[in-house]
């Protein structure tokens, strides 16, 4: 029997889940010098949100119930990234070729159709969850050859599905770039 050589995960003992071991996202060097990693606070989404559950709802109160966060409906203005009012969310899937699977999208920090009004934490969670879903679709089409620990699949027997993955937080990695903390 071959031993697995996939990137090991850190275990969160409180939540009894593993943290998906993403490589730090690449950041524009000029912006990284001005806004180094950690310049903005991390955003935590309670005890984590199932990517599958986020794919089935647009109801912010339902998302808030999943988060168990009493501040879900307050305008979220902790993160400001200049005049653009958007952040770049990047997902790097472990043990996959980053040229095939790295995925990033801009996420607005203003509420939809309400310029100047910050998004709520529930709205931000939904948008970041959608980025993760699209990243997982991309990974599903580029499965690794030898090991399947972090493969994305349509069933739990062959790899991870949206039901297995939870959005726990986003962390500032430099410039205007954030990376989600995903747990399985």
N, C-alpha and C. Protein backbone atom coordinates (compact mmCIF):
# COMPACT_ATOMS: atom_id res chain seq x y z
N UNK A 1 0.84 -1.18 0.00
CA UNK A 1 0.00 0.00 0.00
C UNK A 1 0.89 1.25 0.00
N UNK A 2 0.59 2.19 -0.86
CA UNK A 2 1.38 3.42 -0.94
C UNK A 2 0.94 4.40 0.13
N UNK A 3 1.91 5.04 0.75
CA UNK A 3 1.60 6.10 1.71
C UNK A 3 1.24 7.37 0.94
N UNK A 4 0.31 8.11 1.47
CA UNK A 4 -0.10 9.35 0.82
C UNK A 4 0.95 10.43 1.05
N UNK A 5 1.27 11.17 0.01
CA UNK A 5 2.25 12.25 0.11
C UNK A 5 1.59 13.62 -0.11
N UNK A 6 0.26 13.67 0.03
CA UNK A 6 -0.45 14.93 -0.15
C UNK A 6 -0.14 15.88 1.01
N UNK A 7 -0.33 17.15 0.78
CA UNK A 7 -0.07 18.17 1.79
C UNK A 7 -0.97 17.92 3.00
N UNK A 8 -0.39 17.76 4.19
CA UNK A 8 -1.23 17.50 5.36
C UNK A 8 -2.00 18.75 5.78
N UNK A 9 -3.14 18.51 6.41
CA UNK A 9 -3.97 19.61 6.91
C UNK A 9 -3.69 19.84 8.38
N UNK A 10 -3.91 21.06 8.84
CA UNK A 10 -3.92 21.34 10.28
C UNK A 10 -5.30 20.98 10.80
N UNK A 11 -5.35 20.41 11.98
CA UNK A 11 -6.64 19.99 12.54
C UNK A 11 -7.14 21.01 13.55
N UNK A 12 -8.40 21.44 13.41
CA UNK A 12 -9.05 22.32 14.37
C UNK A 12 -9.81 21.41 15.33
N UNK A 13 -9.26 21.25 16.53
CA UNK A 13 -9.83 20.30 17.48
C UNK A 13 -11.20 20.74 18.00
N UNK A 14 -11.40 22.04 18.13
CA UNK A 14 -12.69 22.53 18.63
C UNK A 14 -13.82 22.20 17.66
N UNK A 15 -13.59 22.47 16.37
CA UNK A 15 -14.63 22.23 15.37
C UNK A 15 -14.58 20.81 14.80
N UNK A 16 -13.52 20.09 15.11
CA UNK A 16 -13.31 18.73 14.59
C UNK A 16 -13.29 18.71 13.07
N UNK A 17 -12.57 19.68 12.49
CA UNK A 17 -12.42 19.75 11.04
C UNK A 17 -10.96 20.03 10.73
N UNK A 18 -10.56 19.71 9.50
CA UNK A 18 -9.22 20.00 9.02
C UNK A 18 -9.22 21.29 8.22
N UNK A 19 -8.17 22.09 8.37
CA UNK A 19 -8.04 23.33 7.61
C UNK A 19 -7.37 22.99 6.29
N UNK A 20 -8.02 23.35 5.19
CA UNK A 20 -7.49 23.06 3.87
C UNK A 20 -6.15 23.76 3.70
N UNK A 21 -5.09 23.05 3.39
CA UNK A 21 -3.75 23.65 3.35
C UNK A 21 -3.44 24.39 2.04
N UNK A 22 -3.95 25.60 1.90
CA UNK A 22 -3.66 26.39 0.70
C UNK A 22 -2.29 27.05 0.80
N UNK A 23 -1.61 27.15 -0.34
CA UNK A 23 -0.40 27.96 -0.40
C UNK A 23 -0.81 29.42 -0.34
N UNK A 24 0.02 30.30 0.24
CA UNK A 24 -0.33 31.73 0.23
C UNK A 24 -0.53 32.22 -1.21
N UNK A 25 -1.58 32.98 -1.41
CA UNK A 25 -1.90 33.51 -2.74
C UNK A 25 -0.83 34.50 -3.18
N UNK A 26 -0.56 34.54 -4.48
CA UNK A 26 0.37 35.51 -5.03
C UNK A 26 -0.27 36.89 -5.01
N UNK A 27 0.52 37.89 -4.65
CA UNK A 27 0.01 39.25 -4.48
C UNK A 27 0.87 40.19 -5.32
N UNK A 28 0.26 41.20 -5.91
CA UNK A 28 0.99 42.22 -6.64
C UNK A 28 2.06 42.84 -5.74
N UNK A 29 3.33 42.83 -6.18
CA UNK A 29 4.44 43.26 -5.32
C UNK A 29 4.33 44.71 -4.88
N UNK A 30 3.96 45.61 -5.80
CA UNK A 30 3.86 47.03 -5.43
C UNK A 30 2.81 47.25 -4.35
N UNK A 31 1.65 46.61 -4.51
CA UNK A 31 0.60 46.74 -3.50
C UNK A 31 0.99 46.05 -2.19
N UNK A 32 1.69 44.93 -2.31
CA UNK A 32 2.10 44.20 -1.11
C UNK A 32 3.06 45.03 -0.26
N UNK A 33 3.87 45.87 -0.90
CA UNK A 33 4.79 46.72 -0.13
C UNK A 33 4.03 47.82 0.60
N UNK A 34 2.93 48.29 0.01
CA UNK A 34 2.13 49.34 0.66
C UNK A 34 1.18 48.76 1.69
N UNK A 35 0.55 47.64 1.35
CA UNK A 35 -0.44 47.02 2.23
C UNK A 35 0.02 45.58 2.49
N UNK A 36 0.95 45.42 3.41
CA UNK A 36 1.53 44.12 3.68
C UNK A 36 0.50 43.20 4.33
N UNK A 37 0.79 41.91 4.33
CA UNK A 37 -0.13 40.90 4.86
C UNK A 37 -0.54 41.28 6.29
N UNK A 38 -1.82 41.21 6.55
CA UNK A 38 -2.33 41.52 7.88
C UNK A 38 -2.64 42.99 8.11
N UNK A 39 -2.50 43.83 7.07
CA UNK A 39 -2.84 45.25 7.23
C UNK A 39 -4.32 45.42 7.57
N UNK A 40 -5.13 44.53 7.05
CA UNK A 40 -6.57 44.55 7.34
C UNK A 40 -6.91 43.33 8.18
N UNK A 41 -7.91 43.43 9.04
CA UNK A 41 -8.24 42.30 9.91
C UNK A 41 -8.86 41.14 9.13
N UNK A 42 -8.70 39.95 9.66
CA UNK A 42 -9.38 38.78 9.10
C UNK A 42 -10.87 38.91 9.40
N UNK A 43 -11.66 38.28 8.58
CA UNK A 43 -13.11 38.28 8.77
C UNK A 43 -13.52 36.84 9.05
N UNK A 44 -14.14 36.61 10.20
CA UNK A 44 -14.55 35.27 10.59
C UNK A 44 -16.06 35.13 10.44
N UNK A 45 -16.49 33.97 9.96
CA UNK A 45 -17.90 33.70 9.71
C UNK A 45 -18.41 32.68 10.72
N UNK A 46 -18.38 33.05 11.98
CA UNK A 46 -18.89 32.19 13.04
C UNK A 46 -18.18 30.86 13.08
N UNK A 47 -18.96 29.79 13.18
CA UNK A 47 -18.39 28.44 13.25
C UNK A 47 -18.23 27.83 11.87
N UNK A 48 -18.35 28.64 10.83
CA UNK A 48 -18.14 28.15 9.47
C UNK A 48 -19.46 27.95 8.73
N UNK A 49 -19.39 28.12 7.42
CA UNK A 49 -20.56 28.01 6.55
C UNK A 49 -20.32 26.94 5.51
N UNK A 50 -21.23 26.02 5.38
CA UNK A 50 -21.12 24.98 4.37
C UNK A 50 -21.21 25.60 2.98
N UNK A 51 -20.28 25.25 2.12
CA UNK A 51 -20.32 25.76 0.74
C UNK A 51 -21.58 25.25 0.05
N UNK A 52 -21.99 24.03 0.35
CA UNK A 52 -23.22 23.49 -0.22
C UNK A 52 -24.43 24.31 0.21
N UNK A 53 -24.51 24.64 1.49
CA UNK A 53 -25.64 25.45 1.99
C UNK A 53 -25.63 26.84 1.36
N UNK A 54 -24.45 27.43 1.19
CA UNK A 54 -24.36 28.75 0.54
C UNK A 54 -24.80 28.69 -0.91
N UNK A 55 -24.61 27.54 -1.55
CA UNK A 55 -24.99 27.42 -2.96
C UNK A 55 -26.51 27.32 -3.12
N UNK A 56 -27.24 27.04 -2.02
CA UNK A 56 -28.67 26.84 -2.11
C UNK A 56 -29.50 28.00 -1.58
N UNK A 57 -28.87 29.09 -1.15
CA UNK A 57 -29.66 30.18 -0.58
C UNK A 57 -29.09 31.55 -0.96
N UNK A 58 -29.97 32.51 -1.02
CA UNK A 58 -29.59 33.92 -1.11
C UNK A 58 -30.18 34.69 0.06
N UNK A 59 -30.76 33.97 1.01
CA UNK A 59 -31.42 34.57 2.16
C UNK A 59 -30.38 34.88 3.24
N UNK A 60 -30.17 36.16 3.51
CA UNK A 60 -29.11 36.55 4.44
C UNK A 60 -29.42 36.16 5.88
N UNK A 61 -30.69 36.11 6.24
CA UNK A 61 -31.04 35.67 7.59
C UNK A 61 -30.72 34.18 7.77
N UNK A 62 -30.94 33.41 6.73
CA UNK A 62 -30.60 31.99 6.77
C UNK A 62 -29.08 31.81 6.90
N UNK A 63 -28.34 32.61 6.16
CA UNK A 63 -26.87 32.56 6.27
C UNK A 63 -26.44 32.95 7.68
N UNK A 64 -27.07 33.96 8.23
CA UNK A 64 -26.74 34.40 9.59
C UNK A 64 -27.01 33.29 10.61
N UNK A 65 -28.10 32.56 10.43
CA UNK A 65 -28.40 31.45 11.33
C UNK A 65 -27.33 30.37 11.24
N UNK A 66 -26.82 30.14 10.04
CA UNK A 66 -25.73 29.17 9.87
C UNK A 66 -24.46 29.66 10.54
N UNK A 67 -24.20 30.98 10.45
CA UNK A 67 -22.99 31.58 11.03
C UNK A 67 -23.06 31.62 12.55
N UNK A 68 -24.28 31.79 13.06
CA UNK A 68 -24.49 32.02 14.50
C UNK A 68 -23.71 33.24 14.95
N UNK A 69 -23.83 34.31 14.17
CA UNK A 69 -23.11 35.56 14.44
C UNK A 69 -24.13 36.66 14.65
N UNK A 70 -24.22 37.24 15.86
CA UNK A 70 -25.24 38.26 16.11
C UNK A 70 -25.03 39.54 15.29
N UNK A 71 -23.86 39.77 14.73
CA UNK A 71 -23.62 40.99 13.97
C UNK A 71 -23.74 40.82 12.47
N UNK A 72 -24.49 39.81 12.02
CA UNK A 72 -24.58 39.51 10.60
C UNK A 72 -25.18 40.63 9.77
N UNK A 73 -26.10 41.43 10.35
CA UNK A 73 -26.84 42.42 9.57
C UNK A 73 -26.27 43.83 9.69
N UNK A 74 -25.22 43.99 10.46
CA UNK A 74 -24.60 45.31 10.59
C UNK A 74 -23.72 45.59 9.38
N UNK A 75 -23.69 46.83 8.90
CA UNK A 75 -22.81 47.14 7.77
C UNK A 75 -21.39 46.75 8.09
N UNK A 76 -20.78 46.07 7.14
CA UNK A 76 -19.43 45.57 7.35
C UNK A 76 -18.44 46.57 6.78
N UNK A 77 -17.84 47.39 7.64
CA UNK A 77 -16.92 48.41 7.15
C UNK A 77 -15.54 48.31 7.78
N UNK A 78 -15.19 47.11 8.29
CA UNK A 78 -13.85 46.92 8.86
C UNK A 78 -12.78 46.89 7.78
N UNK A 79 -13.15 46.49 6.59
CA UNK A 79 -12.18 46.32 5.51
C UNK A 79 -12.38 47.43 4.49
N UNK A 80 -11.37 48.22 4.26
CA UNK A 80 -11.42 49.25 3.22
C UNK A 80 -10.15 49.15 2.41
N UNK A 81 -10.29 49.09 1.13
CA UNK A 81 -9.13 48.89 0.27
C UNK A 81 -9.04 49.98 -0.80
N UNK A 82 -9.06 51.21 -0.36
CA UNK A 82 -8.93 52.32 -1.30
C UNK A 82 -10.28 52.70 -1.88
N UNK A 83 -10.26 53.33 -3.04
CA UNK A 83 -11.48 53.85 -3.65
C UNK A 83 -12.29 52.80 -4.39
N UNK A 84 -11.69 51.65 -4.67
CA UNK A 84 -12.40 50.64 -5.46
C UNK A 84 -13.47 49.92 -4.66
N UNK A 85 -13.33 49.86 -3.36
CA UNK A 85 -14.31 49.18 -2.50
C UNK A 85 -14.57 47.75 -2.94
N UNK A 86 -13.48 47.06 -3.29
CA UNK A 86 -13.59 45.64 -3.61
C UNK A 86 -12.28 44.97 -3.23
N UNK A 87 -12.36 43.67 -3.02
CA UNK A 87 -11.18 42.90 -2.68
C UNK A 87 -11.03 41.77 -3.70
N UNK A 88 -9.82 41.26 -3.83
CA UNK A 88 -9.55 40.13 -4.69
C UNK A 88 -9.48 38.89 -3.79
N UNK A 89 -10.37 37.94 -4.02
CA UNK A 89 -10.39 36.71 -3.24
C UNK A 89 -9.76 35.62 -4.09
N UNK A 90 -8.69 34.99 -3.57
CA UNK A 90 -7.97 33.95 -4.32
C UNK A 90 -8.02 32.63 -3.57
N UNK A 91 -8.25 31.56 -4.33
CA UNK A 91 -8.27 30.20 -3.79
C UNK A 91 -7.20 29.40 -4.51
N UNK A 92 -6.31 28.76 -3.74
CA UNK A 92 -5.31 27.83 -4.28
C UNK A 92 -5.60 26.46 -3.69
N UNK A 93 -5.92 25.49 -4.53
CA UNK A 93 -6.27 24.17 -4.02
C UNK A 93 -5.02 23.34 -3.81
N UNK A 94 -4.89 22.66 -2.66
CA UNK A 94 -3.65 21.92 -2.38
C UNK A 94 -3.44 20.74 -3.33
N UNK A 95 -2.15 20.49 -3.63
CA UNK A 95 -1.71 19.34 -4.41
C UNK A 95 -2.27 19.29 -5.83
N UNK A 96 -2.65 20.44 -6.35
CA UNK A 96 -3.06 20.57 -7.74
C UNK A 96 -2.15 21.60 -8.39
N UNK A 97 -1.99 21.49 -9.69
CA UNK A 97 -1.16 22.44 -10.43
C UNK A 97 -1.82 23.82 -10.36
N UNK A 98 -1.14 24.82 -9.77
CA UNK A 98 -1.77 26.14 -9.63
C UNK A 98 -2.12 26.79 -10.97
N UNK A 99 -1.40 26.43 -12.03
CA UNK A 99 -1.75 27.01 -13.33
C UNK A 99 -3.13 26.56 -13.79
N UNK A 100 -3.53 25.36 -13.37
CA UNK A 100 -4.83 24.83 -13.77
C UNK A 100 -5.95 25.18 -12.80
N UNK A 101 -5.61 25.36 -11.52
CA UNK A 101 -6.68 25.42 -10.53
C UNK A 101 -6.73 26.70 -9.70
N UNK A 102 -5.68 27.52 -9.68
CA UNK A 102 -5.75 28.75 -8.89
C UNK A 102 -6.88 29.61 -9.45
N UNK A 103 -7.67 30.18 -8.55
CA UNK A 103 -8.84 30.93 -8.99
C UNK A 103 -8.97 32.19 -8.14
N UNK A 104 -9.23 33.31 -8.78
CA UNK A 104 -9.43 34.57 -8.06
C UNK A 104 -10.51 35.40 -8.72
N UNK A 105 -11.26 36.11 -7.88
CA UNK A 105 -12.32 37.00 -8.37
C UNK A 105 -12.39 38.22 -7.47
N UNK A 106 -12.79 39.35 -8.06
CA UNK A 106 -13.04 40.55 -7.27
C UNK A 106 -14.42 40.46 -6.62
N UNK A 107 -14.48 40.82 -5.36
CA UNK A 107 -15.72 40.80 -4.59
C UNK A 107 -15.98 42.22 -4.10
N UNK A 108 -17.17 42.78 -4.40
CA UNK A 108 -17.46 44.15 -3.95
C UNK A 108 -17.70 44.20 -2.44
N UNK A 109 -17.26 45.29 -1.84
CA UNK A 109 -17.51 45.50 -0.42
C UNK A 109 -18.70 46.40 -0.17
N UNK A 110 -19.34 46.82 -1.27
CA UNK A 110 -20.55 47.64 -1.14
C UNK A 110 -21.76 46.77 -1.41
N UNK A 111 -22.83 47.05 -0.73
CA UNK A 111 -24.07 46.29 -0.92
C UNK A 111 -24.54 46.46 -2.37
N UNK A 112 -25.10 45.41 -2.91
CA UNK A 112 -25.58 45.44 -4.29
C UNK A 112 -26.62 46.54 -4.47
N UNK A 113 -26.49 47.30 -5.53
CA UNK A 113 -27.41 48.38 -5.88
C UNK A 113 -27.48 49.50 -4.83
N UNK A 114 -26.49 49.56 -3.94
CA UNK A 114 -26.50 50.62 -2.92
C UNK A 114 -25.09 51.19 -2.78
N UNK A 115 -24.64 51.99 -3.74
CA UNK A 115 -23.29 52.55 -3.68
C UNK A 115 -23.04 53.30 -2.38
N UNK A 116 -21.88 53.08 -1.82
CA UNK A 116 -21.50 53.76 -0.59
C UNK A 116 -21.97 53.08 0.68
N UNK A 117 -22.84 52.07 0.55
CA UNK A 117 -23.33 51.34 1.73
C UNK A 117 -22.52 50.04 1.84
N UNK A 118 -21.82 49.85 2.95
CA UNK A 118 -21.02 48.63 3.08
C UNK A 118 -21.90 47.37 3.13
N UNK A 119 -21.36 46.27 2.61
CA UNK A 119 -22.03 44.98 2.70
C UNK A 119 -22.11 44.54 4.15
N UNK A 120 -23.05 43.66 4.42
CA UNK A 120 -23.08 43.02 5.73
C UNK A 120 -22.17 41.79 5.68
N UNK A 121 -21.87 41.26 6.86
CA UNK A 121 -21.02 40.07 6.92
C UNK A 121 -21.69 38.89 6.20
N UNK A 122 -23.01 38.78 6.28
CA UNK A 122 -23.73 37.69 5.60
C UNK A 122 -23.61 37.85 4.08
N UNK A 123 -23.71 39.09 3.57
CA UNK A 123 -23.56 39.32 2.13
C UNK A 123 -22.15 38.97 1.66
N UNK A 124 -21.15 39.36 2.46
CA UNK A 124 -19.77 39.06 2.12
C UNK A 124 -19.55 37.55 2.11
N UNK A 125 -20.11 36.83 3.08
CA UNK A 125 -19.97 35.37 3.14
C UNK A 125 -20.55 34.72 1.89
N UNK A 126 -21.72 35.19 1.44
CA UNK A 126 -22.34 34.63 0.25
C UNK A 126 -21.46 34.84 -0.97
N UNK A 127 -20.92 36.05 -1.15
CA UNK A 127 -20.07 36.34 -2.30
C UNK A 127 -18.79 35.52 -2.29
N UNK A 128 -18.15 35.41 -1.14
CA UNK A 128 -16.91 34.62 -1.04
C UNK A 128 -17.24 33.14 -1.26
N UNK A 129 -18.37 32.67 -0.73
CA UNK A 129 -18.78 31.28 -0.95
C UNK A 129 -18.96 30.97 -2.43
N UNK A 130 -19.49 31.94 -3.19
CA UNK A 130 -19.66 31.74 -4.63
C UNK A 130 -18.31 31.63 -5.33
N UNK A 131 -17.31 32.40 -4.89
CA UNK A 131 -15.96 32.30 -5.46
C UNK A 131 -15.40 30.90 -5.19
N UNK A 132 -15.59 30.41 -3.96
CA UNK A 132 -15.09 29.07 -3.60
C UNK A 132 -15.78 28.00 -4.45
N UNK A 133 -17.10 28.13 -4.67
CA UNK A 133 -17.82 27.16 -5.50
C UNK A 133 -17.25 27.11 -6.91
N UNK A 134 -16.99 28.28 -7.49
CA UNK A 134 -16.44 28.32 -8.84
C UNK A 134 -15.02 27.74 -8.86
N UNK A 135 -14.24 27.98 -7.80
CA UNK A 135 -12.90 27.41 -7.71
C UNK A 135 -12.99 25.88 -7.64
N UNK A 136 -13.95 25.37 -6.88
CA UNK A 136 -14.10 23.91 -6.76
C UNK A 136 -14.51 23.30 -8.10
N UNK A 137 -15.34 23.97 -8.86
CA UNK A 137 -15.70 23.48 -10.20
C UNK A 137 -14.47 23.39 -11.09
N UNK A 138 -13.61 24.38 -10.98
CA UNK A 138 -12.38 24.38 -11.78
C UNK A 138 -11.46 23.23 -11.36
N UNK A 139 -11.37 23.00 -10.05
CA UNK A 139 -10.52 21.92 -9.54
C UNK A 139 -11.08 20.56 -9.95
N UNK A 140 -12.40 20.42 -9.96
CA UNK A 140 -13.02 19.15 -10.32
C UNK A 140 -12.61 18.72 -11.73
N UNK A 141 -12.38 19.69 -12.59
CA UNK A 141 -11.99 19.38 -13.96
C UNK A 141 -10.50 19.14 -14.12
N UNK A 142 -9.72 19.28 -13.06
CA UNK A 142 -8.27 19.11 -13.12
C UNK A 142 -7.81 18.25 -11.94
N UNK A 143 -8.23 16.99 -11.94
CA UNK A 143 -7.91 16.10 -10.82
C UNK A 143 -6.43 15.72 -10.83
N UNK A 144 -5.84 15.57 -9.64
CA UNK A 144 -4.43 15.17 -9.58
C UNK A 144 -4.29 13.71 -9.98
N UNK A 145 -3.09 13.35 -10.43
CA UNK A 145 -2.86 12.00 -10.91
C UNK A 145 -2.75 10.95 -9.84
N UNK A 146 -1.82 11.10 -8.92
CA UNK A 146 -1.51 10.01 -7.99
C UNK A 146 -2.36 9.99 -6.73
N UNK A 147 -2.58 11.14 -6.14
CA UNK A 147 -3.25 11.18 -4.84
C UNK A 147 -4.58 11.91 -4.96
N UNK A 148 -5.52 11.49 -4.16
CA UNK A 148 -6.85 12.05 -4.26
C UNK A 148 -7.33 12.69 -2.96
N UNK A 149 -6.44 12.95 -2.02
CA UNK A 149 -6.87 13.52 -0.73
C UNK A 149 -7.65 14.81 -0.91
N UNK A 150 -7.20 15.69 -1.79
CA UNK A 150 -7.84 16.99 -1.94
C UNK A 150 -8.57 17.10 -3.27
N UNK A 151 -8.86 15.98 -3.91
CA UNK A 151 -9.60 16.02 -5.16
C UNK A 151 -11.05 16.45 -4.90
N UNK A 152 -11.61 17.17 -5.84
CA UNK A 152 -13.01 17.59 -5.75
C UNK A 152 -13.81 16.65 -6.63
N UNK A 153 -14.92 16.18 -6.11
CA UNK A 153 -15.67 15.13 -6.78
C UNK A 153 -17.17 15.40 -6.71
N UNK A 154 -17.93 14.55 -7.37
CA UNK A 154 -19.38 14.63 -7.27
C UNK A 154 -19.91 13.67 -6.20
N UNK A 155 -19.02 12.84 -5.62
CA UNK A 155 -19.44 11.97 -4.52
C UNK A 155 -18.32 11.85 -3.50
N UNK A 156 -18.68 11.59 -2.24
CA UNK A 156 -17.72 11.58 -1.14
C UNK A 156 -16.70 10.44 -1.24
N UNK A 157 -16.99 9.42 -2.02
CA UNK A 157 -16.08 8.28 -2.10
C UNK A 157 -14.84 8.61 -2.92
N UNK A 158 -14.96 9.49 -3.89
CA UNK A 158 -13.83 9.81 -4.77
C UNK A 158 -13.15 11.12 -4.42
N UNK A 159 -13.60 11.83 -3.42
CA UNK A 159 -12.98 13.10 -3.05
C UNK A 159 -13.93 13.97 -2.27
N UNK A 160 -13.64 15.26 -2.26
CA UNK A 160 -14.42 16.24 -1.51
C UNK A 160 -15.56 16.78 -2.37
N UNK A 161 -16.67 17.08 -1.73
CA UNK A 161 -17.78 17.73 -2.40
C UNK A 161 -18.08 19.05 -1.69
N UNK A 162 -19.03 19.81 -2.23
CA UNK A 162 -19.42 21.07 -1.58
C UNK A 162 -19.94 20.83 -0.17
N UNK A 163 -20.49 19.65 0.09
CA UNK A 163 -21.01 19.34 1.43
C UNK A 163 -19.89 19.18 2.45
N UNK A 164 -18.68 18.87 1.99
CA UNK A 164 -17.54 18.61 2.89
C UNK A 164 -16.78 19.89 3.27
N UNK A 165 -16.95 20.95 2.49
CA UNK A 165 -16.09 22.14 2.62
C UNK A 165 -16.87 23.27 3.30
N UNK A 166 -16.20 23.92 4.28
CA UNK A 166 -16.79 25.01 5.05
C UNK A 166 -15.94 26.27 4.93
N UNK A 167 -16.60 27.40 4.72
CA UNK A 167 -15.94 28.70 4.72
C UNK A 167 -15.90 29.19 6.16
N UNK A 168 -14.70 29.36 6.68
CA UNK A 168 -14.56 29.77 8.07
C UNK A 168 -14.18 31.24 8.20
N UNK A 169 -13.31 31.73 7.30
CA UNK A 169 -12.83 33.11 7.41
C UNK A 169 -12.18 33.52 6.10
N UNK A 170 -11.90 34.82 5.98
CA UNK A 170 -10.99 35.29 4.92
C UNK A 170 -9.87 36.05 5.61
N UNK A 171 -8.66 35.87 5.09
CA UNK A 171 -7.48 36.48 5.69
C UNK A 171 -6.77 37.36 4.65
N UNK A 172 -6.33 38.52 5.08
CA UNK A 172 -5.60 39.44 4.22
C UNK A 172 -4.19 38.90 3.99
N UNK A 173 -3.81 38.71 2.72
CA UNK A 173 -2.49 38.18 2.39
C UNK A 173 -1.60 39.20 1.69
N UNK A 174 -2.04 40.46 1.66
CA UNK A 174 -1.25 41.53 1.07
C UNK A 174 -1.99 42.23 -0.06
N UNK A 175 -1.62 43.49 -0.30
CA UNK A 175 -2.31 44.27 -1.33
C UNK A 175 -3.79 44.31 -1.04
N UNK A 176 -4.61 44.08 -2.07
CA UNK A 176 -6.06 44.04 -1.90
C UNK A 176 -6.56 42.59 -1.90
N UNK A 177 -5.64 41.65 -1.67
CA UNK A 177 -5.91 40.23 -1.81
C UNK A 177 -6.23 39.57 -0.48
N UNK A 178 -7.31 38.78 -0.49
CA UNK A 178 -7.71 37.97 0.66
C UNK A 178 -7.75 36.52 0.21
N UNK A 179 -7.56 35.63 1.18
CA UNK A 179 -7.63 34.21 0.90
C UNK A 179 -8.59 33.57 1.90
N UNK A 180 -9.52 32.76 1.42
CA UNK A 180 -10.45 32.14 2.36
C UNK A 180 -9.78 31.03 3.16
N UNK A 181 -10.19 30.90 4.41
CA UNK A 181 -9.81 29.74 5.21
C UNK A 181 -10.93 28.74 5.06
N UNK A 182 -10.60 27.62 4.44
CA UNK A 182 -11.59 26.57 4.18
C UNK A 182 -11.29 25.38 5.07
N UNK A 183 -12.34 24.78 5.62
CA UNK A 183 -12.17 23.61 6.47
C UNK A 183 -12.98 22.47 5.89
N UNK A 184 -12.49 21.26 6.11
CA UNK A 184 -13.16 20.05 5.58
C UNK A 184 -13.43 19.08 6.72
